[in-house]
Amino acid sequence: YYETYGLDPDAAGRRRFRVDYTVRAERLERGALERLFEGLQGLVGVREEDRATTFSFEREAPASEGTDALVEHVSLDTSALPPGNYVLAIEVTDLVGGGTTVQVERELRIGGD
């Protein structure tokens, strides 16, 4: 779950934005990462770097009356990831206004003791 504020609506009243999910770890398995994000719609690209993989999604949502908050509920299946420490970074970019970019990072521990 995350909230984004300040995304500009287009002429039709829709907010268009890109969400980049970057996973960083000592060891990444591409197939496991693909399964992690397979439930999300709108994949537009995958970028791989040393110990990091970014999945980019373009999304659309109607502008809400009385608030500029955009609430996204995302469920990621981590069962295919090998045990270890991970960092998940989420970056949201406004595709209408172009100026809003928000990023947050969270550390995750998968499996093991």
PDB file of N, CA and C in Angstrom:
ATOM      1  N   TYR A   1       0.836  -1.172   0.000  1.00  0.00           N
ATOM      2  CA  TYR A   1       0.000   0.000   0.000  1.00  0.00           C
ATOM      3  C   TYR A   1       0.886   1.241   0.000  1.00  0.00           C
ATOM      4  N   TYR A   2       0.588   2.192  -0.858  1.00  0.00           N
ATOM      5  CA  TYR A   2       1.249   3.492  -0.814  1.00  0.00           C
ATOM      6  C   TYR A   2       0.309   4.544  -1.377  1.00  0.00           C
ATOM      7  N   GLU A   3       0.594   5.798  -1.011  1.00  0.00           N
ATOM      8  CA  GLU A   3      -0.195   6.937  -1.481  1.00  0.00           C
ATOM      9  C   GLU A   3       0.730   7.897  -2.200  1.00  0.00           C
ATOM     10  N   THR A   4       0.223   8.505  -3.263  1.00  0.00           N
ATOM     11  CA  THR A   4       0.956   9.525  -4.008  1.00  0.00           C
ATOM     12  C   THR A   4       0.067  10.760  -4.115  1.00  0.00           C
ATOM     13  N   TYR A   5       0.660  11.921  -3.957  1.00  0.00           N
ATOM     14  CA  TYR A   5      -0.071  13.183  -4.011  1.00  0.00           C
ATOM     15  C   TYR A   5       0.505  14.067  -5.105  1.00  0.00           C
ATOM     16  N   GLY A   6      -0.336  14.934  -5.673  1.00  0.00           N
ATOM     17  CA  GLY A   6       0.130  15.956  -6.599  1.00  0.00           C
ATOM     18  C   GLY A   6       0.245  15.534  -8.049  1.00  0.00           C
ATOM     19  N   LEU A   7      -0.339  14.390  -8.431  1.00  0.00           N
ATOM     20  CA  LEU A   7      -0.311  13.989  -9.837  1.00  0.00           C
ATOM     21  C   LEU A   7      -1.340  14.817 -10.599  1.00  0.00           C
ATOM     22  N   ASP A   8      -0.921  15.404 -11.709  1.00  0.00           N
ATOM     23  CA  ASP A   8      -1.810  16.246 -12.512  1.00  0.00           C
ATOM     24  C   ASP A   8      -2.740  15.398 -13.373  1.00  0.00           C
ATOM     25  N   PRO A   9      -4.036  15.752 -13.442  1.00  0.00           N
ATOM     26  CA  PRO A   9      -4.933  15.056 -14.366  1.00  0.00           C
ATOM     27  C   PRO A   9      -4.750  15.581 -15.795  1.00  0.00           C
ATOM     28  N   ASP A  10      -5.019  14.717 -16.771  1.00  0.00           N
ATOM     29  CA  ASP A  10      -4.986  15.162 -18.162  1.00  0.00           C
ATOM     30  C   ASP A  10      -6.325  15.823 -18.508  1.00  0.00           C
ATOM     31  N   ALA A  11      -6.535  16.176 -19.777  1.00  0.00           N
ATOM     32  CA  ALA A  11      -7.761  16.875 -20.210  1.00  0.00           C
ATOM     33  C   ALA A  11      -9.020  16.051 -19.958  1.00  0.00           C
ATOM     34  N   ALA A  12      -8.875  14.722 -19.934  1.00  0.00           N
ATOM     35  CA  ALA A  12     -10.019  13.838 -19.691  1.00  0.00           C
ATOM     36  C   ALA A  12     -10.221  13.546 -18.203  1.00  0.00           C
ATOM     37  N   GLY A  13      -9.407  14.160 -17.352  1.00  0.00           N
ATOM     38  CA  GLY A  13      -9.548  13.962 -15.920  1.00  0.00           C
ATOM     39  C   GLY A  13      -8.878  12.720 -15.372  1.00  0.00           C
ATOM     40  N   ARG A  14      -7.968  12.127 -16.147  1.00  0.00           N
ATOM     41  CA  ARG A  14      -7.264  10.920 -15.716  1.00  0.00           C
ATOM     42  C   ARG A  14      -5.829  11.263 -15.355  1.00  0.00           C
ATOM     43  N   ARG A  15      -5.346  10.638 -14.305  1.00  0.00           N
ATOM     44  CA  ARG A  15      -3.936  10.773 -13.930  1.00  0.00           C
ATOM     45  C   ARG A  15      -3.170   9.617 -14.549  1.00  0.00           C
ATOM     46  N   ARG A  16      -2.136   9.962 -15.281  1.00  0.00           N
ATOM     47  CA  ARG A  16      -1.284   8.939 -15.901  1.00  0.00           C
ATOM     48  C   ARG A  16       0.084   9.040 -15.249  1.00  0.00           C
ATOM     49  N   PHE A  17       0.627   7.881 -14.877  1.00  0.00           N
ATOM     50  CA  PHE A  17       1.896   7.882 -14.161  1.00  0.00           C
ATOM     51  C   PHE A  17       2.648   6.578 -14.408  1.00  0.00           C
ATOM     52  N   ARG A  18       3.951   6.628 -14.162  1.00  0.00           N
ATOM     53  CA  ARG A  18       4.801   5.434 -14.277  1.00  0.00           C
ATOM     54  C   ARG A  18       5.261   5.070 -12.872  1.00  0.00           C
ATOM     55  N   VAL A  19       5.236   3.769 -12.583  1.00  0.00           N
ATOM     56  CA  VAL A  19       5.750   3.271 -11.316  1.00  0.00           C
ATOM     57  C   VAL A  19       6.920   2.355 -11.632  1.00  0.00           C
ATOM     58  N   ASP A  20       8.066   2.679 -11.042  1.00  0.00           N
ATOM     59  CA  ASP A  20       9.272   1.854 -11.181  1.00  0.00           C
ATOM     60  C   ASP A  20       9.496   1.128  -9.858  1.00  0.00           C
ATOM     61  N   TYR A  21       9.497  -0.201  -9.922  1.00  0.00           N
ATOM     62  CA  TYR A  21       9.806  -1.028  -8.761  1.00  0.00           C
ATOM     63  C   TYR A  21      11.217  -1.569  -8.964  1.00  0.00           C
ATOM     64  N   THR A  22      12.136  -1.190  -8.086  1.00  0.00           N
ATOM     65  CA  THR A  22      13.502  -1.674  -8.173  1.00  0.00           C
ATOM     66  C   THR A  22      13.773  -2.590  -6.995  1.00  0.00           C
ATOM     67  N   VAL A  23      14.287  -3.787  -7.300  1.00  0.00           N
ATOM     68  CA  VAL A  23      14.664  -4.749  -6.269  1.00  0.00           C
ATOM     69  C   VAL A  23      16.182  -4.857  -6.297  1.00  0.00           C
ATOM     70  N   ARG A  24      16.790  -4.677  -5.115  1.00  0.00           N
ATOM     71  CA  ARG A  24      18.245  -4.809  -4.993  1.00  0.00           C
ATOM     72  C   ARG A  24      18.552  -5.922  -3.998  1.00  0.00           C
ATOM     73  N   ALA A  25      19.564  -6.721  -4.327  1.00  0.00           N
ATOM     74  CA  ALA A  25      20.008  -7.801  -3.451  1.00  0.00           C
ATOM     75  C   ALA A  25      21.367  -8.275  -3.926  1.00  0.00           C
ATOM     76  N   GLU A  26      22.038  -9.046  -3.072  1.00  0.00           N
ATOM     77  CA  GLU A  26      23.332  -9.616  -3.447  1.00  0.00           C
ATOM     78  C   GLU A  26      23.196 -10.538  -4.652  1.00  0.00           C
ATOM     79  N   ARG A  27      22.107 -11.317  -4.664  1.00  0.00           N
ATOM     80  CA  ARG A  27      21.884 -12.273  -5.753  1.00  0.00           C
ATOM     81  C   ARG A  27      20.440 -12.156  -6.203  1.00  0.00           C
ATOM     82  N   LEU A  28      20.237 -11.925  -7.484  1.00  0.00           N
ATOM     83  CA  LEU A  28      18.887 -11.813  -8.030  1.00  0.00           C
ATOM     84  C   LEU A  28      18.673 -12.875  -9.096  1.00  0.00           C
ATOM     85  N   GLU A  29      17.505 -13.478  -9.068  1.00  0.00           N
ATOM     86  CA  GLU A  29      17.129 -14.452 -10.087  1.00  0.00           C
ATOM     87  C   GLU A  29      16.000 -13.851 -10.902  1.00  0.00           C
ATOM     88  N   ARG A  30      16.245 -13.638 -12.178  1.00  0.00           N
ATOM     89  CA  ARG A  30      15.280 -12.954 -13.048  1.00  0.00           C
ATOM     90  C   ARG A  30      13.916 -13.631 -13.042  1.00  0.00           C
ATOM     91  N   GLY A  31      13.892 -14.945 -13.132  1.00  0.00           N
ATOM     92  CA  GLY A  31      12.614 -15.656 -13.157  1.00  0.00           C
ATOM     93  C   GLY A  31      11.814 -15.445 -11.886  1.00  0.00           C
ATOM     94  N   ALA A  32      12.486 -15.475 -10.735  1.00  0.00           N
ATOM     95  CA  ALA A  32      11.800 -15.247  -9.459  1.00  0.00           C
ATOM     96  C   ALA A  32      11.267 -13.825  -9.387  1.00  0.00           C
ATOM     97  N   LEU A  33      12.031 -12.858  -9.901  1.00  0.00           N
ATOM     98  CA  LEU A  33      11.573 -11.468  -9.895  1.00  0.00           C
ATOM     99  C   LEU A  33      10.373 -11.273 -10.819  1.00  0.00           C
ATOM    100  N   GLU A  34      10.384 -11.947 -11.967  1.00  0.00           N
ATOM    101  CA  GLU A  34       9.236 -11.848 -12.876  1.00  0.00           C
ATOM    102  C   GLU A  34       7.970 -12.373 -12.208  1.00  0.00           C
ATOM    103  N   ARG A  35       8.085 -13.470 -11.453  1.00  0.00           N
ATOM    104  CA  ARG A  35       6.919 -14.009 -10.741  1.00  0.00           C
ATOM    105  C   ARG A  35       6.465 -13.038  -9.647  1.00  0.00           C
ATOM    106  N   LEU A  36       7.405 -12.311  -9.048  1.00  0.00           N
ATOM    107  CA  LEU A  36       7.077 -11.340  -8.012  1.00  0.00           C
ATOM    108  C   LEU A  36       6.106 -10.284  -8.531  1.00  0.00           C
ATOM    109  N   PHE A  37       6.300  -9.857  -9.787  1.00  0.00           N
ATOM    110  CA  PHE A  37       5.500  -8.775 -10.351  1.00  0.00           C
ATOM    111  C   PHE A  37       4.453  -9.235 -11.363  1.00  0.00           C
ATOM    112  N   GLU A  38       4.262 -10.538 -11.543  1.00  0.00           N
ATOM    113  CA  GLU A  38       3.375 -11.013 -12.607  1.00  0.00           C
ATOM    114  C   GLU A  38       1.926 -10.612 -12.433  1.00  0.00           C
ATOM    115  N   GLY A  39       1.474 -10.292 -11.244  1.00  0.00           N
ATOM    116  CA  GLY A  39       0.089  -9.905 -11.030  1.00  0.00           C
ATOM    117  C   GLY A  39      -0.208  -8.452 -11.371  1.00  0.00           C
ATOM    118  N   LEU A  40       0.806  -7.658 -11.676  1.00  0.00           N
ATOM    119  CA  LEU A  40       0.610  -6.244 -11.980  1.00  0.00           C
ATOM    120  C   LEU A  40       0.421  -6.045 -13.477  1.00  0.00           C
ATOM    121  N   GLN A  41      -0.482  -5.135 -13.840  1.00  0.00           N
ATOM    122  CA  GLN A  41      -0.778  -4.850 -15.241  1.00  0.00           C
ATOM    123  C   GLN A  41       0.008  -3.644 -15.728  1.00  0.00           C
ATOM    124  N   GLY A  42       0.306  -3.596 -17.020  1.00  0.00           N
ATOM    125  CA  GLY A  42       0.891  -2.404 -17.638  1.00  0.00           C
ATOM    126  C   GLY A  42       2.400  -2.380 -17.701  1.00  0.00           C
ATOM    127  N   LEU A  43       3.066  -3.536 -17.675  1.00  0.00           N
ATOM    128  CA  LEU A  43       4.527  -3.569 -17.748  1.00  0.00           C
ATOM    129  C   LEU A  43       5.010  -2.932 -19.047  1.00  0.00           C
ATOM    130  N   VAL A  44       5.911  -1.967 -18.950  1.00  0.00           N
ATOM    131  CA  VAL A  44       6.448  -1.298 -20.138  1.00  0.00           C
ATOM    132  C   VAL A  44       7.956  -1.476 -20.286  1.00  0.00           C
ATOM    133  N   GLY A  45       8.619  -2.034 -19.271  1.00  0.00           N
ATOM    134  CA  GLY A  45      10.051  -2.228 -19.425  1.00  0.00           C
ATOM    135  C   GLY A  45      10.689  -2.877 -18.212  1.00  0.00           C
ATOM    136  N   VAL A  46      11.841  -3.512 -18.473  1.00  0.00           N
ATOM    137  CA  VAL A  46      12.656  -4.124 -17.425  1.00  0.00           C
ATOM    138  C   VAL A  46      14.090  -3.681 -17.661  1.00  0.00           C
ATOM    139  N   ARG A  47      14.725  -3.183 -16.609  1.00  0.00           N
ATOM    140  CA  ARG A  47      16.125  -2.740 -16.699  1.00  0.00           C
ATOM    141  C   ARG A  47      16.932  -3.490 -15.646  1.00  0.00           C
ATOM    142  N   GLU A  48      18.016  -4.115 -16.090  1.00  0.00           N
ATOM    143  CA  GLU A  48      18.867  -4.866 -15.173  1.00  0.00           C
ATOM    144  C   GLU A  48      20.202  -4.157 -15.017  1.00  0.00           C
ATOM    145  N   GLU A  49      20.639  -4.058 -13.778  1.00  0.00           N
ATOM    146  CA  GLU A  49      21.932  -3.488 -13.436  1.00  0.00           C
ATOM    147  C   GLU A  49      22.612  -4.455 -12.477  1.00  0.00           C
ATOM    148  N   ASP A  50      23.815  -4.130 -12.062  1.00  0.00           N
ATOM    149  CA  ASP A  50      24.534  -4.963 -11.111  1.00  0.00           C
ATOM    150  C   ASP A  50      23.769  -5.014  -9.795  1.00  0.00           C
ATOM    151  N   ARG A  51      23.260  -6.187  -9.422  1.00  0.00           N
ATOM    152  CA  ARG A  51      22.527  -6.431  -8.181  1.00  0.00           C
ATOM    153  C   ARG A  51      21.241  -5.623  -8.046  1.00  0.00           C
ATOM    154  N   ALA A  52      20.668  -5.192  -9.175  1.00  0.00           N
ATOM    155  CA  ALA A  52      19.391  -4.471  -9.141  1.00  0.00           C
ATOM    156  C   ALA A  52      18.615  -4.728 -10.427  1.00  0.00           C
ATOM    157  N   THR A  53      17.313  -4.898 -10.295  1.00  0.00           N
ATOM    158  CA  THR A  53      16.433  -5.050 -11.450  1.00  0.00           C
ATOM    159  C   THR A  53      15.238  -4.141 -11.240  1.00  0.00           C
ATOM    160  N   THR A  54      14.889  -3.369 -12.293  1.00  0.00           N
ATOM    161  CA  THR A  54      13.769  -2.434 -12.230  1.00  0.00           C
ATOM    162  C   THR A  54      12.689  -2.864 -13.207  1.00  0.00           C
ATOM    163  N   PHE A  55      11.462  -2.946 -12.702  1.00  0.00           N
ATOM    164  CA  PHE A  55      10.287  -3.234 -13.515  1.00  0.00           C
ATOM    165  C   PHE A  55       9.477  -1.948 -13.578  1.00  0.00           C
ATOM    166  N   SER A  56       9.167  -1.474 -14.798  1.00  0.00           N
ATOM    167  CA  SER A  56       8.434  -0.221 -14.980  1.00  0.00           C
ATOM    168  C   SER A  56       7.035  -0.515 -15.499  1.00  0.00           C
ATOM    169  N   PHE A  57       6.057   0.143 -14.867  1.00  0.00           N
ATOM    170  CA  PHE A  57       4.654  -0.028 -15.220  1.00  0.00           C
ATOM    171  C   PHE A  57       4.045   1.338 -15.468  1.00  0.00           C
ATOM    172  N   GLU A  58       3.227   1.454 -16.518  1.00  0.00           N
ATOM    173  CA  GLU A  58       2.464   2.681 -16.728  1.00  0.00           C
ATOM    174  C   GLU A  58       1.036   2.416 -16.294  1.00  0.00           C
ATOM    175  N   ARG A  59       0.500   3.377 -15.527  1.00  0.00           N
ATOM    176  CA  ARG A  59      -0.814   3.213 -14.944  1.00  0.00           C
ATOM    177  C   ARG A  59      -1.659   4.449 -15.201  1.00  0.00           C
ATOM    178  N   GLU A  60      -2.961   4.295 -15.048  1.00  0.00           N
ATOM    179  CA  GLU A  60      -3.934   5.378 -15.190  1.00  0.00           C
ATOM    180  C   GLU A  60      -4.947   5.263 -14.071  1.00  0.00           C
ATOM    181  N   ALA A  61      -5.382   6.408 -13.581  1.00  0.00           N
ATOM    182  CA  ALA A  61      -6.427   6.408 -12.555  1.00  0.00           C
ATOM    183  C   ALA A  61      -7.240   7.683 -12.692  1.00  0.00           C
ATOM    184  N   PRO A  62      -8.546   7.609 -12.432  1.00  0.00           N
ATOM    185  CA  PRO A  62      -9.350   8.827 -12.495  1.00  0.00           C
ATOM    186  C   PRO A  62      -8.977   9.773 -11.359  1.00  0.00           C
ATOM    187  N   ALA A  63      -9.055  11.062 -11.618  1.00  0.00           N
ATOM    188  CA  ALA A  63      -8.846  12.049 -10.563  1.00  0.00           C
ATOM    189  C   ALA A  63     -10.009  11.930  -9.585  1.00  0.00           C
ATOM    190  N   SER A  64      -9.741  12.008  -8.314  1.00  0.00           N
ATOM    191  CA  SER A  64     -10.766  11.873  -7.277  1.00  0.00           C
ATOM    192  C   SER A  64     -11.274  13.240  -6.849  1.00  0.00           C
ATOM    193  N   GLU A  65     -12.569  13.341  -6.670  1.00  0.00           N
ATOM    194  CA  GLU A  65     -13.172  14.585  -6.188  1.00  0.00           C
ATOM    195  C   GLU A  65     -12.762  14.830  -4.738  1.00  0.00           C
ATOM    196  N   GLY A  66     -12.306  16.040  -4.432  1.00  0.00           N
ATOM    197  CA  GLY A  66     -12.020  16.423  -3.065  1.00  0.00           C
ATOM    198  C   GLY A  66     -10.664  16.020  -2.519  1.00  0.00           C
ATOM    199  N   THR A  67      -9.877  15.262  -3.267  1.00  0.00           N
ATOM    200  CA  THR A  67      -8.543  14.878  -2.809  1.00  0.00           C
ATOM    201  C   THR A  67      -7.637  14.651  -4.009  1.00  0.00           C
ATOM    202  N   ASP A  68      -6.351  14.923  -3.804  1.00  0.00           N
ATOM    203  CA  ASP A  68      -5.416  14.596  -4.880  1.00  0.00           C
ATOM    204  C   ASP A  68      -4.611  13.347  -4.529  1.00  0.00           C
ATOM    205  N   ALA A  69      -5.053  12.621  -3.490  1.00  0.00           N
ATOM    206  CA  ALA A  69      -4.371  11.392  -3.080  1.00  0.00           C
ATOM    207  C   ALA A  69      -4.688  10.263  -4.057  1.00  0.00           C
ATOM    208  N   LEU A  70      -3.673   9.564  -4.458  1.00  0.00           N
ATOM    209  CA  LEU A  70      -3.810   8.354  -5.268  1.00  0.00           C
ATOM    210  C   LEU A  70      -3.358   7.201  -4.389  1.00  0.00           C
ATOM    211  N   VAL A  71      -4.253   6.274  -4.112  1.00  0.00           N
ATOM    212  CA  VAL A  71      -3.949   5.147  -3.243  1.00  0.00           C
ATOM    213  C   VAL A  71      -3.770   3.900  -4.102  1.00  0.00           C
ATOM    214  N   GLU A  72      -2.645   3.241  -3.948  1.00  0.00           N
ATOM    215  CA  GLU A  72      -2.348   2.014  -4.695  1.00  0.00           C
ATOM    216  C   GLU A  72      -2.166   0.873  -3.691  1.00  0.00           C
ATOM    217  N   HIS A  73      -2.897  -0.213  -3.916  1.00  0.00           N
ATOM    218  CA  HIS A  73      -2.735  -1.428  -3.118  1.00  0.00           C
ATOM    219  C   HIS A  73      -2.046  -2.450  -4.015  1.00  0.00           C
ATOM    220  N   VAL A  74      -0.888  -2.905  -3.603  1.00  0.00           N
ATOM    221  CA  VAL A  74      -0.097  -3.831  -4.398  1.00  0.00           C
ATOM    222  C   VAL A  74       0.247  -5.036  -3.533  1.00  0.00           C
ATOM    223  N   SER A  75       0.035  -6.223  -4.076  1.00  0.00           N
ATOM    224  CA  SER A  75       0.394  -7.452  -3.379  1.00  0.00           C
ATOM    225  C   SER A  75       1.451  -8.174  -4.213  1.00  0.00           C
ATOM    226  N   LEU A  76       2.586  -8.450  -3.599  1.00  0.00           N
ATOM    227  CA  LEU A  76       3.689  -9.112  -4.301  1.00  0.00           C
ATOM    228  C   LEU A  76       3.917 -10.487  -3.690  1.00  0.00           C
ATOM    229  N   ASP A  77       3.985 -11.501  -4.546  1.00  0.00           N
ATOM    230  CA  ASP A  77       4.209 -12.876  -4.101  1.00  0.00           C
ATOM    231  C   ASP A  77       5.712 -13.124  -4.001  1.00  0.00           C
ATOM    232  N   THR A  78       6.231 -13.180  -2.782  1.00  0.00           N
ATOM    233  CA  THR A  78       7.675 -13.347  -2.577  1.00  0.00           C
ATOM    234  C   THR A  78       8.088 -14.809  -2.452  1.00  0.00           C
ATOM    235  N   SER A  79       7.154 -15.733  -2.628  1.00  0.00           N
ATOM    236  CA  SER A  79       7.452 -17.153  -2.390  1.00  0.00           C
ATOM    237  C   SER A  79       8.533 -17.707  -3.315  1.00  0.00           C
ATOM    238  N   ALA A  80       8.732 -17.140  -4.488  1.00  0.00           N
ATOM    239  CA  ALA A  80       9.735 -17.653  -5.423  1.00  0.00           C
ATOM    240  C   ALA A  80      11.131 -17.071  -5.165  1.00  0.00           C
ATOM    241  N   LEU A  81      11.222 -16.068  -4.294  1.00  0.00           N
ATOM    242  CA  LEU A  81      12.529 -15.453  -4.022  1.00  0.00           C
ATOM    243  C   LEU A  81      13.333 -16.313  -3.068  1.00  0.00           C
ATOM    244  N   PRO A  82      14.624 -16.478  -3.337  1.00  0.00           N
ATOM    245  CA  PRO A  82      15.467 -17.205  -2.392  1.00  0.00           C
ATOM    246  C   PRO A  82      15.625 -16.401  -1.100  1.00  0.00           C
ATOM    247  N   PRO A  83      15.858 -17.073   0.032  1.00  0.00           N
ATOM    248  CA  PRO A  83      16.045 -16.348   1.287  1.00  0.00           C
ATOM    249  C   PRO A  83      17.169 -15.324   1.171  1.00  0.00           C
ATOM    250  N   GLY A  84      16.988 -14.206   1.846  1.00  0.00           N
ATOM    251  CA  GLY A  84      18.030 -13.184   1.848  1.00  0.00           C
ATOM    252  C   GLY A  84      17.472 -11.816   2.158  1.00  0.00           C
ATOM    253  N   ASN A  85      18.347 -10.835   2.126  1.00  0.00           N
ATOM    254  CA  ASN A  85      17.984  -9.444   2.374  1.00  0.00           C
ATOM    255  C   ASN A  85      17.791  -8.733   1.038  1.00  0.00           C
ATOM    256  N   TYR A  86      16.715  -7.972   0.949  1.00  0.00           N
ATOM    257  CA  TYR A  86      16.360  -7.255  -0.271  1.00  0.00           C
ATOM    258  C   TYR A  86      16.020  -5.805   0.078  1.00  0.00           C
ATOM    259  N   VAL A  87      16.125  -4.941  -0.915  1.00  0.00           N
ATOM    260  CA  VAL A  87      15.615  -3.578  -0.813  1.00  0.00           C
ATOM    261  C   VAL A  87      14.643  -3.395  -1.965  1.00  0.00           C
ATOM    262  N   LEU A  88      13.436  -2.917  -1.652  1.00  0.00           N
ATOM    263  CA  LEU A  88      12.436  -2.606  -2.668  1.00  0.00           C
ATOM    264  C   LEU A  88      12.288  -1.092  -2.706  1.00  0.00           C
ATOM    265  N   ALA A  89      12.561  -0.499  -3.858  1.00  0.00           N
ATOM    266  CA  ALA A  89      12.382   0.940  -4.060  1.00  0.00           C
ATOM    267  C   ALA A  89      11.208   1.140  -5.005  1.00  0.00           C
ATOM    268  N   ILE A  90      10.341   2.079  -4.661  1.00  0.00           N
ATOM    269  CA  ILE A  90       9.189   2.421  -5.495  1.00  0.00           C
ATOM    270  C   ILE A  90       9.324   3.881  -5.874  1.00  0.00           C
ATOM    271  N   GLU A  91       9.301   4.141  -7.185  1.00  0.00           N
ATOM    272  CA  GLU A  91       9.401   5.510  -7.693  1.00  0.00           C
ATOM    273  C   GLU A  91       8.200   5.791  -8.583  1.00  0.00           C
ATOM    274  N   VAL A  92       7.501   6.895  -8.327  1.00  0.00           N
ATOM    275  CA  VAL A  92       6.318   7.271  -9.097  1.00  0.00           C
ATOM    276  C   VAL A  92       6.621   8.556  -9.854  1.00  0.00           C
ATOM    277  N   THR A  93       6.377   8.553 -11.168  1.00  0.00           N
ATOM    278  CA  THR A  93       6.626   9.716 -12.012  1.00  0.00           C
ATOM    279  C   THR A  93       5.326  10.121 -12.702  1.00  0.00           C
ATOM    280  N   ASP A  94       4.987  11.391 -12.623  1.00  0.00           N
ATOM    281  CA  ASP A  94       3.794  11.957 -13.249  1.00  0.00           C
ATOM    282  C   ASP A  94       4.031  12.079 -14.753  1.00  0.00           C
ATOM    283  N   LEU A  95       3.237  11.381 -15.573  1.00  0.00           N
ATOM    284  CA  LEU A  95       3.409  11.431 -17.029  1.00  0.00           C
ATOM    285  C   LEU A  95       2.627  12.571 -17.666  1.00  0.00           C
ATOM    286  N   VAL A  96       1.787  13.247 -16.897  1.00  0.00           N
ATOM    287  CA  VAL A  96       1.032  14.391 -17.410  1.00  0.00           C
ATOM    288  C   VAL A  96       1.793  15.675 -17.112  1.00  0.00           C
ATOM    289  N   GLY A  97       2.015  15.944 -15.836  1.00  0.00           N
ATOM    290  CA  GLY A  97       2.722  17.165 -15.429  1.00  0.00           C
ATOM    291  C   GLY A  97       4.226  17.041 -15.558  1.00  0.00           C
ATOM    292  N   GLY A  98       4.719  15.808 -15.470  1.00  0.00           N
ATOM    293  CA  GLY A  98       6.134  15.544 -15.672  1.00  0.00           C
ATOM    294  C   GLY A  98       7.044  15.898 -14.518  1.00  0.00           C
ATOM    295  N   GLY A  99       6.578  16.675 -13.575  1.00  0.00           N
ATOM    296  CA  GLY A  99       7.493  17.142 -12.548  1.00  0.00           C
ATOM    297  C   GLY A  99       7.496  16.358 -11.261  1.00  0.00           C
ATOM    298  N   THR A 100       6.509  15.531 -11.025  1.00  0.00           N
ATOM    299  CA  THR A 100       6.399  14.861  -9.746  1.00  0.00           C
ATOM    300  C   THR A 100       7.080  13.501  -9.798  1.00  0.00           C
ATOM    301  N   THR A 101       8.109  13.354  -9.004  1.00  0.00           N
ATOM    302  CA  THR A 101       8.739  12.057  -8.843  1.00  0.00           C
ATOM    303  C   THR A 101       8.900  11.816  -7.353  1.00  0.00           C
ATOM    304  N   VAL A 102       8.399  10.698  -6.885  1.00  0.00           N
ATOM    305  CA  VAL A 102       8.462  10.344  -5.476  1.00  0.00           C
ATOM    306  C   VAL A 102       9.116   8.980  -5.376  1.00  0.00           C
ATOM    307  N   GLN A 103      10.024   8.828  -4.412  1.00  0.00           N
ATOM    308  CA  GLN A 103      10.672   7.532  -4.241  1.00  0.00           C
ATOM    309  C   GLN A 103      10.698   7.167  -2.767  1.00  0.00           C
ATOM    310  N   VAL A 104      10.464   5.891  -2.486  1.00  0.00           N
ATOM    311  CA  VAL A 104      10.554   5.360  -1.130  1.00  0.00           C
ATOM    312  C   VAL A 104      11.243   3.999  -1.212  1.00  0.00           C
ATOM    313  N   GLU A 105      12.020   3.663  -0.187  1.00  0.00           N
ATOM    314  CA  GLU A 105      12.696   2.371  -0.137  1.00  0.00           C
ATOM    315  C   GLU A 105      12.329   1.660   1.150  1.00  0.00           C
ATOM    316  N   ARG A 106      12.207   0.327   1.053  1.00  0.00           N
ATOM    317  CA  ARG A 106      11.939  -0.503   2.223  1.00  0.00           C
ATOM    318  C   ARG A 106      12.867  -1.719   2.170  1.00  0.00           C
ATOM    319  N   GLU A 107      13.438  -2.053   3.319  1.00  0.00           N
ATOM    320  CA  GLU A 107      14.248  -3.257   3.426  1.00  0.00           C
ATOM    321  C   GLU A 107      13.351  -4.440   3.739  1.00  0.00           C
ATOM    322  N   LEU A 108      13.635  -5.577   3.103  1.00  0.00           N
ATOM    323  CA  LEU A 108      12.841  -6.789   3.282  1.00  0.00           C
ATOM    324  C   LEU A 108      13.768  -7.958   3.609  1.00  0.00           C
ATOM    325  N   ARG A 109      13.328  -8.831   4.476  1.00  0.00           N
ATOM    326  CA  ARG A 109      14.052 -10.076   4.751  1.00  0.00           C
ATOM    327  C   ARG A 109      13.124 -11.207   4.345  1.00  0.00           C
ATOM    328  N   ILE A 110      13.590 -12.037   3.410  1.00  0.00           N
ATOM    329  CA  ILE A 110      12.798 -13.147   2.895  1.00  0.00           C
ATOM    330  C   ILE A 110      13.350 -14.454   3.469  1.00  0.00           C
ATOM    331  N   GLY A 111      12.480 -15.234   4.118  1.00  0.00           N
ATOM    332  CA  GLY A 111      12.832 -16.556   4.599  1.00  0.00           C
ATOM    333  C   GLY A 111      14.024 -16.606   5.538  1.00  0.00           C
ATOM    334  N   GLY A 112      14.477 -17.804   5.828  1.00  0.00           N
ATOM    335  CA  GLY A 112      15.644 -17.987   6.692  1.00  0.00           C
ATOM    336  C   GLY A 112      15.374 -17.561   8.108  1.00  0.00           C
ATOM    337  N   ASP A 113      16.398 -17.726   8.934  1.00  0.00           N
ATOM    338  CA  ASP A 113      16.266 -17.339  10.356  1.00  0.00           C
ATOM    339  C   ASP A 113      17.079 -16.113  10.659  1.00  0.00           C
TER     340      ASP A 113
END
